[in-house]
Amino acid sequence: MSDTPPIETFAGVDAWAEAIAARLSETLAGAVRDTGAALFAGPGGSTPAPIYRRLAATDLDWSKIAVTLVDERYVPETSPESNARLIRDVLLQDRAATARFIPLYTPEVTVDRAAIVAAHALAEAGGRFDAVLLGMGEDGHICSMFPESPTLKTLLTPTLKPTVLGVPHGRDGMAPSLERLSINLPYLMSAGRVILGLKGAAKRRVFEEQAKGDPKVQPIAALLAAGVPLEVLWTEES
């Protein structure tokens, strides 16, 4: 079992977002320099927006960088629920407008078929993330690894190959409210750098509790047990 990483604390959202963007850009620049290409995966939602704005303005060779999502709702980009929409509107702007976007959503017959298409597209793009940004919900979920989800144990199985899986909507009113697509734990295990960005006192408490949990059913504990190269950056300002 890996030790819990230190929680790096920042005075406010600006300093927090600046630090995360700097680390991600450093890693992506290094990958482009060393291999001629880089692959980045990040979340949707409102939390990463200030990070993405800073990344978009960073002087990288974005034409050699591919961008994807760690998870997505099974909805088209025209939907306000779409994570791809946030990525396009906030990250793939300014200097980052020349990056290539690899969506997880495609309008297939089922969410599981869409997951197969996404898994193939990511494999074709190299099959390994150079840098990953994660967020965490107040229930402890990362990506679309939700408590009590029937796909949770499969998503958290460390011995599978990196892939994308369909996630059904929650039963009896549990999350998620929509079908989703999610990368699995092995994708995070093989990544070059993984940063978890947390805001607010409540999420810090959840992280510290989840870190001591069962890696078979609690995503944060699974990350630590699997030796994911995790850096945790937190600001109390939410």
Foldseek 3Di string as FASTA:
>chain_A
DFDDDDAAEDAALLVLLVVVLVVVQVLQQVCCVPPVAAEEEEAADDSNQSNLQVNQQDPHPQLRYEYEYQKFFQDDLVDPRTRVVSCVVRNCDHNNVNHHYQYLYDPDPDNQVSQQVSFVVCVVVPQAHQEYEWEADLQQDIHQLHFPWPCNLVLLDQPDRWGKGKTCADPPPGDDNGIMIHIGLNNQLRYNEYEYEEEAPSVVVSLVVLCPDDSSRHVSVSCRVSVRRYHHYYYNHD
